[in-house]
């Protein structure tokens, strides 16, 4: 599994409700994406950053979505290049379901 942290700068003055409105508009695009196990939306008003934490089945699944076209859409939508970090995720522990998996 791969965990991907994506952060980008928010436009000046963007509020949490405005941010969420944009993200809800994009939500259907993410519903049937093979290899995406979980997506957490991130918002930091103080740092003026938004983003997501993605859990992918593998790097190939992440590459399929987060490609050059995705980067271009991010630049057009948010006005700047997204910052992406990937981490090998050897284990996940879900305390709500009390499940663990590799």
PDB file of N, CA and C in Angstrom:
ATOM      1  N   UNK A   1       0.835  -1.182   0.000  1.00  0.00           N
ATOM      2  CA  UNK A   1       0.000   0.000   0.000  1.00  0.00           C
ATOM      3  C   UNK A   1       0.878   1.244   0.000  1.00  0.00           C
ATOM      4  N   UNK A   2       0.287   2.314  -0.478  1.00  0.00           N
ATOM      5  CA  UNK A   2       0.959   3.606  -0.568  1.00  0.00           C
ATOM      6  C   UNK A   2       0.061   4.660   0.095  1.00  0.00           C
ATOM      7  N   UNK A   3       0.644   5.472   0.951  1.00  0.00           N
ATOM      8  CA  UNK A   3      -0.047   6.654   1.461  1.00  0.00           C
ATOM      9  C   UNK A   3       0.548   7.855   0.755  1.00  0.00           C
ATOM     10  N   UNK A   4      -0.330   8.692   0.254  1.00  0.00           N
ATOM     11  CA  UNK A   4       0.102   9.865  -0.495  1.00  0.00           C
ATOM     12  C   UNK A   4      -0.463  11.110   0.196  1.00  0.00           C
ATOM     13  N   UNK A   5       0.432  12.018   0.523  1.00  0.00           N
ATOM     14  CA  UNK A   5       0.051  13.295   1.104  1.00  0.00           C
ATOM     15  C   UNK A   5       0.149  14.354   0.015  1.00  0.00           C
ATOM     16  N   UNK A   6      -0.969  15.012  -0.257  1.00  0.00           N
ATOM     17  CA  UNK A   6      -1.026  16.062  -1.271  1.00  0.00           C
ATOM     18  C   UNK A   6      -1.443  17.355  -0.582  1.00  0.00           C
ATOM     19  N   UNK A   7      -0.611  18.398  -0.721  1.00  0.00           N
ATOM     20  CA  UNK A   7      -0.924  19.716  -0.164  1.00  0.00           C
ATOM     21  C   UNK A   7      -0.796  20.771  -1.255  1.00  0.00           C
ATOM     22  N   UNK A   8      -1.627  21.791  -1.155  1.00  0.00           N
ATOM     23  CA  UNK A   8      -1.538  22.907  -2.093  1.00  0.00           C
ATOM     24  C   UNK A   8      -1.973  24.181  -1.373  1.00  0.00           C
ATOM     25  N   UNK A   9      -1.478  25.296  -1.846  1.00  0.00           N
ATOM     26  CA  UNK A   9      -1.831  26.589  -1.270  1.00  0.00           C
ATOM     27  C   UNK A   9      -3.237  26.981  -1.707  1.00  0.00           C
ATOM     28  N   UNK A  10      -3.980  27.542  -0.768  1.00  0.00           N
ATOM     29  CA  UNK A  10      -5.338  27.989  -1.052  1.00  0.00           C
ATOM     30  C   UNK A  10      -5.334  29.453  -1.494  1.00  0.00           C
ATOM     31  N   UNK A  11      -6.297  29.832  -2.315  1.00  0.00           N
ATOM     32  CA  UNK A  11      -6.417  31.243  -2.679  1.00  0.00           C
ATOM     33  C   UNK A  11      -6.627  32.103  -1.438  1.00  0.00           C
ATOM     34  N   UNK A  12      -6.121  33.291  -1.472  1.00  0.00           N
ATOM     35  CA  UNK A  12      -6.249  34.247  -0.358  1.00  0.00           C
ATOM     36  C   UNK A  12      -7.726  34.413   0.008  1.00  0.00           C
ATOM     37  N   UNK A  13      -8.029  34.307   1.300  1.00  0.00           N
ATOM     38  CA  UNK A  13      -9.369  34.546   1.793  1.00  0.00           C
ATOM     39  C   UNK A  13     -10.340  33.378   1.667  1.00  0.00           C
ATOM     40  N   UNK A  14      -9.901  32.233   1.133  1.00  0.00           N
ATOM     41  CA  UNK A  14     -10.812  31.106   0.982  1.00  0.00           C
ATOM     42  C   UNK A  14     -11.230  30.582   2.350  1.00  0.00           C
ATOM     43  N   UNK A  15     -12.528  30.436   2.523  1.00  0.00           N
ATOM     44  CA  UNK A  15     -13.066  29.944   3.782  1.00  0.00           C
ATOM     45  C   UNK A  15     -13.258  28.429   3.724  1.00  0.00           C
ATOM     46  N   UNK A  16     -13.445  27.844   4.897  1.00  0.00           N
ATOM     47  CA  UNK A  16     -13.683  26.400   4.962  1.00  0.00           C
ATOM     48  C   UNK A  16     -14.940  26.015   4.164  1.00  0.00           C
ATOM     49  N   UNK A  17     -16.064  26.734   4.306  1.00  0.00           N
ATOM     50  CA  UNK A  17     -17.240  26.389   3.501  1.00  0.00           C
ATOM     51  C   UNK A  17     -16.985  26.475   1.987  1.00  0.00           C
ATOM     52  N   UNK A  18     -16.236  27.482   1.554  1.00  0.00           N
ATOM     53  CA  UNK A  18     -15.911  27.589   0.121  1.00  0.00           C
ATOM     54  C   UNK A  18     -15.048  26.410  -0.329  1.00  0.00           C
ATOM     55  N   UNK A  19     -14.084  26.050   0.512  1.00  0.00           N
ATOM     56  CA  UNK A  19     -13.213  24.921   0.216  1.00  0.00           C
ATOM     57  C   UNK A  19     -14.029  23.635   0.093  1.00  0.00           C
ATOM     58  N   UNK A  20     -14.896  23.403   1.071  1.00  0.00           N
ATOM     59  CA  UNK A  20     -15.705  22.186   1.047  1.00  0.00           C
ATOM     60  C   UNK A  20     -16.664  22.153  -0.136  1.00  0.00           C
ATOM     61  N   UNK A  21     -17.181  23.295  -0.518  1.00  0.00           N
ATOM     62  CA  UNK A  21     -18.065  23.348  -1.682  1.00  0.00           C
ATOM     63  C   UNK A  21     -17.332  22.844  -2.932  1.00  0.00           C
ATOM     64  N   UNK A  22     -16.107  23.276  -3.106  1.00  0.00           N
ATOM     65  CA  UNK A  22     -15.301  22.802  -4.248  1.00  0.00           C
ATOM     66  C   UNK A  22     -15.052  21.299  -4.158  1.00  0.00           C
ATOM     67  N   UNK A  23     -14.712  20.831  -2.958  1.00  0.00           N
ATOM     68  CA  UNK A  23     -14.421  19.410  -2.798  1.00  0.00           C
ATOM     69  C   UNK A  23     -15.651  18.541  -2.991  1.00  0.00           C
ATOM     70  N   UNK A  24     -16.807  18.972  -2.490  1.00  0.00           N
ATOM     71  CA  UNK A  24     -18.022  18.189  -2.705  1.00  0.00           C
ATOM     72  C   UNK A  24     -18.353  18.104  -4.193  1.00  0.00           C
ATOM     73  N   UNK A  25     -18.070  19.141  -4.940  1.00  0.00           N
ATOM     74  CA  UNK A  25     -18.311  19.113  -6.388  1.00  0.00           C
ATOM     75  C   UNK A  25     -17.443  18.060  -7.072  1.00  0.00           C
ATOM     76  N   UNK A  26     -16.261  17.798  -6.499  1.00  0.00           N
ATOM     77  CA  UNK A  26     -15.345  16.811  -7.076  1.00  0.00           C
ATOM     78  C   UNK A  26     -15.587  15.388  -6.575  1.00  0.00           C
ATOM     79  N   UNK A  27     -16.355  15.233  -5.510  1.00  0.00           N
ATOM     80  CA  UNK A  27     -16.526  13.932  -4.863  1.00  0.00           C
ATOM     81  C   UNK A  27     -16.961  12.807  -5.809  1.00  0.00           C
ATOM     82  N   UNK A  28     -17.909  13.030  -6.727  1.00  0.00           N
ATOM     83  CA  UNK A  28     -18.324  11.930  -7.603  1.00  0.00           C
ATOM     84  C   UNK A  28     -17.175  11.367  -8.445  1.00  0.00           C
ATOM     85  N   UNK A  29     -16.223  12.213  -8.785  1.00  0.00           N
ATOM     86  CA  UNK A  29     -15.077  11.788  -9.595  1.00  0.00           C
ATOM     87  C   UNK A  29     -14.263  10.708  -8.875  1.00  0.00           C
ATOM     88  N   UNK A  30     -14.302  10.706  -7.552  1.00  0.00           N
ATOM     89  CA  UNK A  30     -13.474   9.797  -6.753  1.00  0.00           C
ATOM     90  C   UNK A  30     -14.167   8.510  -6.360  1.00  0.00           C
ATOM     91  N   UNK A  31     -15.450   8.366  -6.614  1.00  0.00           N
ATOM     92  CA  UNK A  31     -16.200   7.253  -6.061  1.00  0.00           C
ATOM     93  C   UNK A  31     -15.841   5.892  -6.633  1.00  0.00           C
ATOM     94  N   UNK A  32     -15.605   5.777  -7.879  1.00  0.00           N
ATOM     95  CA  UNK A  32     -15.316   4.472  -8.481  1.00  0.00           C
ATOM     96  C   UNK A  32     -13.900   4.422  -9.028  1.00  0.00           C
ATOM     97  N   UNK A  33     -12.954   4.811  -8.214  1.00  0.00           N
ATOM     98  CA  UNK A  33     -11.567   4.804  -8.672  1.00  0.00           C
ATOM     99  C   UNK A  33     -10.859   3.539  -8.182  1.00  0.00           C
ATOM    100  N   UNK A  34     -10.515   2.637  -9.102  1.00  0.00           N
ATOM    101  CA  UNK A  34      -9.861   1.392  -8.693  1.00  0.00           C
ATOM    102  C   UNK A  34      -8.540   1.661  -7.969  1.00  0.00           C
ATOM    103  N   UNK A  35      -8.340   0.956  -6.883  1.00  0.00           N
ATOM    104  CA  UNK A  35      -7.089   1.069  -6.153  1.00  0.00           C
ATOM    105  C   UNK A  35      -7.083   2.099  -5.052  1.00  0.00           C
ATOM    106  N   UNK A  36      -8.092   2.982  -5.010  1.00  0.00           N
ATOM    107  CA  UNK A  36      -8.172   3.978  -3.945  1.00  0.00           C
ATOM    108  C   UNK A  36      -8.933   3.365  -2.772  1.00  0.00           C
ATOM    109  N   UNK A  37      -8.248   3.221  -1.645  1.00  0.00           N
ATOM    110  CA  UNK A  37      -8.856   2.608  -0.473  1.00  0.00           C
ATOM    111  C   UNK A  37      -9.512   3.630   0.440  1.00  0.00           C
ATOM    112  N   UNK A  38      -8.905   4.812   0.547  1.00  0.00           N
ATOM    113  CA  UNK A  38      -9.438   5.850   1.428  1.00  0.00           C
ATOM    114  C   UNK A  38      -8.895   7.205   0.987  1.00  0.00           C
ATOM    115  N   UNK A  39      -9.720   8.220   1.179  1.00  0.00           N
ATOM    116  CA  UNK A  39      -9.305   9.593   0.874  1.00  0.00           C
ATOM    117  C   UNK A  39      -9.779  10.485   2.006  1.00  0.00           C
ATOM    118  N   UNK A  40      -8.861  11.169   2.631  1.00  0.00           N
ATOM    119  CA  UNK A  40      -9.182  12.133   3.681  1.00  0.00           C
ATOM    120  C   UNK A  40      -8.883  13.528   3.142  1.00  0.00           C
ATOM    121  N   UNK A  41      -9.855  14.419   3.253  1.00  0.00           N
ATOM    122  CA  UNK A  41      -9.696  15.798   2.792  1.00  0.00           C
ATOM    123  C   UNK A  41      -9.119  16.624   3.943  1.00  0.00           C
ATOM    124  N   UNK A  42      -8.134  17.482   3.624  1.00  0.00           N
ATOM    125  CA  UNK A  42      -7.420  18.274   4.624  1.00  0.00           C
ATOM    126  C   UNK A  42      -7.611  19.764   4.368  1.00  0.00           C
ATOM    127  N   UNK A  43      -7.788  20.524   5.454  1.00  0.00           N
ATOM    128  CA  UNK A  43      -7.944  21.974   5.359  1.00  0.00           C
ATOM    129  C   UNK A  43      -7.230  22.608   6.541  1.00  0.00           C
ATOM    130  N   UNK A  44      -6.351  23.566   6.261  1.00  0.00           N
ATOM    131  CA  UNK A  44      -5.631  24.289   7.308  1.00  0.00           C
ATOM    132  C   UNK A  44      -5.772  25.780   7.019  1.00  0.00           C
ATOM    133  N   UNK A  45      -6.727  26.430   7.693  1.00  0.00           N
ATOM    134  CA  UNK A  45      -7.002  27.848   7.453  1.00  0.00           C
ATOM    135  C   UNK A  45      -5.806  28.717   7.821  1.00  0.00           C
ATOM    136  N   UNK A  46      -5.125  28.398   8.915  1.00  0.00           N
ATOM    137  CA  UNK A  46      -4.009  29.220   9.372  1.00  0.00           C
ATOM    138  C   UNK A  46      -2.851  29.198   8.377  1.00  0.00           C
ATOM    139  N   UNK A  47      -2.534  28.025   7.851  1.00  0.00           N
ATOM    140  CA  UNK A  47      -1.436  27.899   6.883  1.00  0.00           C
ATOM    141  C   UNK A  47      -1.899  28.169   5.448  1.00  0.00           C
ATOM    142  N   UNK A  48      -3.222  28.356   5.264  1.00  0.00           N
ATOM    143  CA  UNK A  48      -3.816  28.534   3.933  1.00  0.00           C
ATOM    144  C   UNK A  48      -3.440  27.379   3.004  1.00  0.00           C
ATOM    145  N   UNK A  49      -3.636  26.158   3.492  1.00  0.00           N
ATOM    146  CA  UNK A  49      -3.367  24.972   2.683  1.00  0.00           C
ATOM    147  C   UNK A  49      -4.554  24.024   2.724  1.00  0.00           C
ATOM    148  N   UNK A  50      -4.729  23.354   1.625  1.00  0.00           N
ATOM    149  CA  UNK A  50      -5.715  22.287   1.522  1.00  0.00           C
ATOM    150  C   UNK A  50      -5.017  21.081   0.949  1.00  0.00           C
ATOM    151  N   UNK A  51      -5.745  19.981   0.888  1.00  0.00           N
ATOM    152  CA  UNK A  51      -5.144  18.799   0.300  1.00  0.00           C
ATOM    153  C   UNK A  51      -5.879  17.537   0.650  1.00  0.00           C
ATOM    154  N   UNK A  52      -5.132  16.449   0.573  1.00  0.00           N
ATOM    155  CA  UNK A  52      -5.709  15.147   0.854  1.00  0.00           C
ATOM    156  C   UNK A  52      -4.652  14.158   1.289  1.00  0.00           C
ATOM    157  N   UNK A  53      -5.119  13.163   2.021  1.00  0.00           N
ATOM    158  CA  UNK A  53      -4.299  12.026   2.399  1.00  0.00           C
ATOM    159  C   UNK A  53      -4.991  10.824   1.769  1.00  0.00           C
ATOM    160  N   UNK A  54      -4.271  10.163   0.874  1.00  0.00           N
ATOM    161  CA  UNK A  54      -4.836   9.072   0.088  1.00  0.00           C
ATOM    162  C   UNK A  54      -4.168   7.768   0.486  1.00  0.00           C
ATOM    163  N   UNK A  55      -4.957   6.730   0.623  1.00  0.00           N
ATOM    164  CA  UNK A  55      -4.429   5.395   0.828  1.00  0.00           C
ATOM    165  C   UNK A  55      -4.741   4.598  -0.427  1.00  0.00           C
ATOM    166  N   UNK A  56      -3.679   4.180  -1.106  1.00  0.00           N
ATOM    167  CA  UNK A  56      -3.777   3.453  -2.374  1.00  0.00           C
ATOM    168  C   UNK A  56      -3.368   2.000  -2.184  1.00  0.00           C
ATOM    169  N   UNK A  57      -3.937   1.127  -2.982  1.00  0.00           N
ATOM    170  CA  UNK A  57      -3.554  -0.284  -2.951  1.00  0.00           C
ATOM    171  C   UNK A  57      -2.095  -0.451  -3.349  1.00  0.00           C
ATOM    172  N   UNK A  58      -1.633   0.398  -4.276  1.00  0.00           N
ATOM    173  CA  UNK A  58      -0.254   0.320  -4.763  1.00  0.00           C
ATOM    174  C   UNK A  58       0.099   1.603  -5.507  1.00  0.00           C
ATOM    175  N   UNK A  59       1.373   1.736  -5.840  1.00  0.00           N
ATOM    176  CA  UNK A  59       1.848   2.933  -6.536  1.00  0.00           C
ATOM    177  C   UNK A  59       1.265   3.083  -7.926  1.00  0.00           C
ATOM    178  N   UNK A  60       1.005   1.980  -8.593  1.00  0.00           N
ATOM    179  CA  UNK A  60       0.426   2.032  -9.940  1.00  0.00           C
ATOM    180  C   UNK A  60      -0.948   2.688  -9.909  1.00  0.00           C
ATOM    181  N   UNK A  61      -1.739   2.361  -8.896  1.00  0.00           N
ATOM    182  CA  UNK A  61      -3.067   2.973  -8.759  1.00  0.00           C
ATOM    183  C   UNK A  61      -2.940   4.480  -8.544  1.00  0.00           C
ATOM    184  N   UNK A  62      -2.002   4.891  -7.708  1.00  0.00           N
ATOM    185  CA  UNK A  62      -1.780   6.317  -7.465  1.00  0.00           C
ATOM    186  C   UNK A  62      -1.310   7.009  -8.743  1.00  0.00           C
ATOM    187  N   UNK A  63      -0.402   6.386  -9.467  1.00  0.00           N
ATOM    188  CA  UNK A  63       0.117   6.963 -10.710  1.00  0.00           C
ATOM    189  C   UNK A  63      -0.986   7.164 -11.742  1.00  0.00           C
ATOM    190  N   UNK A  64      -1.949   6.240 -11.784  1.00  0.00           N
ATOM    191  CA  UNK A  64      -3.036   6.322 -12.751  1.00  0.00           C
ATOM    192  C   UNK A  64      -3.859   7.591 -12.564  1.00  0.00           C
ATOM    193  N   UNK A  65      -4.041   8.021 -11.337  1.00  0.00           N
ATOM    194  CA  UNK A  65      -4.845   9.210 -11.091  1.00  0.00           C
ATOM    195  C   UNK A  65      -4.012  10.471 -10.968  1.00  0.00           C
ATOM    196  N   UNK A  66      -2.938  10.403 -10.244  1.00  0.00           N
ATOM    197  CA  UNK A  66      -2.119  11.585  -9.995  1.00  0.00           C
ATOM    198  C   UNK A  66      -1.000  11.679 -11.041  1.00  0.00           C
ATOM    199  N   UNK A  67      -1.406  11.969 -12.250  1.00  0.00           N
ATOM    200  CA  UNK A  67      -0.499  12.055 -13.387  1.00  0.00           C
ATOM    201  C   UNK A  67      -0.318  13.515 -13.809  1.00  0.00           C
ATOM    202  N   UNK A  68       0.288  13.743 -14.955  1.00  0.00           N
ATOM    203  CA  UNK A  68       0.544  15.109 -15.439  1.00  0.00           C
ATOM    204  C   UNK A  68      -0.758  15.877 -15.676  1.00  0.00           C
ATOM    205  N   UNK A  69      -1.784  15.212 -16.167  1.00  0.00           N
ATOM    206  CA  UNK A  69      -3.065  15.888 -16.394  1.00  0.00           C
ATOM    207  C   UNK A  69      -3.692  16.324 -15.066  1.00  0.00           C
ATOM    208  N   UNK A  70      -3.591  15.473 -14.051  1.00  0.00           N
ATOM    209  CA  UNK A  70      -4.098  15.830 -12.725  1.00  0.00           C
ATOM    210  C   UNK A  70      -3.359  17.046 -12.192  1.00  0.00           C
ATOM    211  N   UNK A  71      -2.032  17.072 -12.326  1.00  0.00           N
ATOM    212  CA  UNK A  71      -1.251  18.226 -11.861  1.00  0.00           C
ATOM    213  C   UNK A  71      -1.714  19.507 -12.564  1.00  0.00           C
ATOM    214  N   UNK A  72      -1.970  19.423 -13.846  1.00  0.00           N
ATOM    215  CA  UNK A  72      -2.418  20.595 -14.594  1.00  0.00           C
ATOM    216  C   UNK A  72      -3.791  21.059 -14.103  1.00  0.00           C
ATOM    217  N   UNK A  73      -4.697  20.094 -13.838  1.00  0.00           N
ATOM    218  CA  UNK A  73      -6.016  20.466 -13.303  1.00  0.00           C
ATOM    219  C   UNK A  73      -5.874  21.146 -11.947  1.00  0.00           C
ATOM    220  N   UNK A  74      -4.942  20.672 -11.125  1.00  0.00           N
ATOM    221  CA  UNK A  74      -4.711  21.267  -9.806  1.00  0.00           C
ATOM    222  C   UNK A  74      -4.220  22.716  -9.945  1.00  0.00           C
ATOM    223  N   UNK A  75      -3.299  22.934 -10.862  1.00  0.00           N
ATOM    224  CA  UNK A  75      -2.771  24.282 -11.091  1.00  0.00           C
ATOM    225  C   UNK A  75      -3.893  25.212 -11.541  1.00  0.00           C
ATOM    226  N   UNK A  76      -4.730  24.736 -12.457  1.00  0.00           N
ATOM    227  CA  UNK A  76      -5.833  25.554 -12.953  1.00  0.00           C
ATOM    228  C   UNK A  76      -6.878  25.817 -11.869  1.00  0.00           C
ATOM    229  N   UNK A  77      -7.169  24.814 -11.041  1.00  0.00           N
ATOM    230  CA  UNK A  77      -8.215  24.947 -10.026  1.00  0.00           C
ATOM    231  C   UNK A  77      -7.775  25.757  -8.814  1.00  0.00           C
ATOM    232  N   UNK A  78      -6.507  25.600  -8.409  1.00  0.00           N
ATOM    233  CA  UNK A  78      -6.054  26.197  -7.155  1.00  0.00           C
ATOM    234  C   UNK A  78      -4.975  27.253  -7.339  1.00  0.00           C
ATOM    235  N   UNK A  79      -4.453  27.391  -8.545  1.00  0.00           N
ATOM    236  CA  UNK A  79      -3.497  28.459  -8.814  1.00  0.00           C
ATOM    237  C   UNK A  79      -2.051  28.137  -8.509  1.00  0.00           C
ATOM    238  N   UNK A  80      -1.746  26.860  -8.266  1.00  0.00           N
ATOM    239  CA  UNK A  80      -0.360  26.503  -7.987  1.00  0.00           C
ATOM    240  C   UNK A  80      -0.134  25.011  -8.042  1.00  0.00           C
ATOM    241  N   UNK A  81       1.112  24.661  -8.070  1.00  0.00           N
ATOM    242  CA  UNK A  81       1.551  23.264  -8.140  1.00  0.00           C
ATOM    243  C   UNK A  81       1.271  22.546  -6.815  1.00  0.00           C
ATOM    244  N   UNK A  82       0.699  21.335  -6.867  1.00  0.00           N
ATOM    245  CA  UNK A  82       0.525  20.577  -5.629  1.00  0.00           C
ATOM    246  C   UNK A  82       1.859  20.001  -5.160  1.00  0.00           C
ATOM    247  N   UNK A  83       1.996  19.844  -3.855  1.00  0.00           N
ATOM    248  CA  UNK A  83       3.179  19.221  -3.256  1.00  0.00           C
ATOM    249  C   UNK A  83       2.779  17.811  -2.849  1.00  0.00           C
ATOM    250  N   UNK A  84       3.493  16.818  -3.378  1.00  0.00           N
ATOM    251  CA  UNK A  84       3.115  15.422  -3.175  1.00  0.00           C
ATOM    252  C   UNK A  84       4.254  14.654  -2.520  1.00  0.00           C
ATOM    253  N   UNK A  85       3.912  13.898  -1.481  1.00  0.00           N
ATOM    254  CA  UNK A  85       4.862  12.974  -0.851  1.00  0.00           C
ATOM    255  C   UNK A  85       4.203  11.616  -0.770  1.00  0.00           C
ATOM    256  N   UNK A  86       4.980  10.585  -1.070  1.00  0.00           N
ATOM    257  CA  UNK A  86       4.477   9.214  -0.986  1.00  0.00           C
ATOM    258  C   UNK A  86       5.241   8.445   0.072  1.00  0.00           C
ATOM    259  N   UNK A  87       4.503   7.573   0.737  1.00  0.00           N
ATOM    260  CA  UNK A  87       5.077   6.750   1.788  1.00  0.00           C
ATOM    261  C   UNK A  87       4.663   5.302   1.573  1.00  0.00           C
ATOM    262  N   UNK A  88       5.600   4.387   1.735  1.00  0.00           N
ATOM    263  CA  UNK A  88       5.264   2.979   1.794  1.00  0.00           C
ATOM    264  C   UNK A  88       4.427   2.786   3.053  1.00  0.00           C
ATOM    265  N   UNK A  89       3.333   2.046   2.940  1.00  0.00           N
ATOM    266  CA  UNK A  89       2.442   1.836   4.080  1.00  0.00           C
ATOM    267  C   UNK A  89       2.340   0.334   4.337  1.00  0.00           C
ATOM    268  N   UNK A  90       3.225  -0.191   5.163  1.00  0.00           N
ATOM    269  CA  UNK A  90       3.246  -1.634   5.372  1.00  0.00           C
ATOM    270  C   UNK A  90       2.090  -2.165   6.205  1.00  0.00           C
ATOM    271  N   UNK A  91       1.396  -1.287   6.953  1.00  0.00           N
ATOM    272  CA  UNK A  91       0.294  -1.763   7.785  1.00  0.00           C
ATOM    273  C   UNK A  91      -0.665  -0.618   8.071  1.00  0.00           C
ATOM    274  N   UNK A  92      -1.953  -0.950   8.160  1.00  0.00           N
ATOM    275  CA  UNK A  92      -2.990  -0.005   8.543  1.00  0.00           C
ATOM    276  C   UNK A  92      -3.778  -0.630   9.694  1.00  0.00           C
ATOM    277  N   UNK A  93      -4.025   0.146  10.729  1.00  0.00           N
ATOM    278  CA  UNK A  93      -4.839  -0.286  11.862  1.00  0.00           C
ATOM    279  C   UNK A  93      -6.047   0.645  11.912  1.00  0.00           C
ATOM    280  N   UNK A  94      -7.236   0.093  11.797  1.00  0.00           N
ATOM    281  CA  UNK A  94      -8.471   0.865  11.831  1.00  0.00           C
ATOM    282  C   UNK A  94      -9.135   0.630  13.182  1.00  0.00           C
ATOM    283  N   UNK A  95      -9.134   1.640  14.022  1.00  0.00           N
ATOM    284  CA  UNK A  95      -9.662   1.484  15.365  1.00  0.00           C
ATOM    285  C   UNK A  95     -11.195   1.489  15.406  1.00  0.00           C
ATOM    286  N   UNK A  96     -11.842   1.967  14.369  1.00  0.00           N
ATOM    287  CA  UNK A  96     -13.306   1.941  14.341  1.00  0.00           C
ATOM    288  C   UNK A  96     -13.823   0.544  14.043  1.00  0.00           C
ATOM    289  N   UNK A  97     -13.183  -0.132  13.106  1.00  0.00           N
ATOM    290  CA  UNK A  97     -13.616  -1.485  12.746  1.00  0.00           C
ATOM    291  C   UNK A  97     -12.817  -2.550  13.478  1.00  0.00           C
ATOM    292  N   UNK A  98     -11.775  -2.111  14.171  1.00  0.00           N
ATOM    293  CA  UNK A  98     -10.850  -3.010  14.874  1.00  0.00           C
ATOM    294  C   UNK A  98     -10.191  -3.994  13.914  1.00  0.00           C
ATOM    295  N   UNK A  99      -9.949  -3.526  12.664  1.00  0.00           N
ATOM    296  CA  UNK A  99      -9.277  -4.337  11.667  1.00  0.00           C
ATOM    297  C   UNK A  99      -7.866  -3.812  11.443  1.00  0.00           C
ATOM    298  N   UNK A 100      -6.991  -4.739  11.106  1.00  0.00           N
ATOM    299  CA  UNK A 100      -5.639  -4.396  10.690  1.00  0.00           C
ATOM    300  C   UNK A 100      -5.380  -5.140   9.387  1.00  0.00           C
ATOM    301  N   UNK A 101      -4.634  -4.498   8.494  1.00  0.00           N
ATOM    302  CA  UNK A 101      -4.296  -5.202   7.255  1.00  0.00           C
ATOM    303  C   UNK A 101      -2.966  -4.701   6.717  1.00  0.00           C
ATOM    304  N   UNK A 102      -2.385  -5.542   5.887  1.00  0.00           N
ATOM    305  CA  UNK A 102      -1.111  -5.231   5.235  1.00  0.00           C
ATOM    306  C   UNK A 102      -1.339  -5.096   3.756  1.00  0.00           C
TER     307      UNK A 102
END
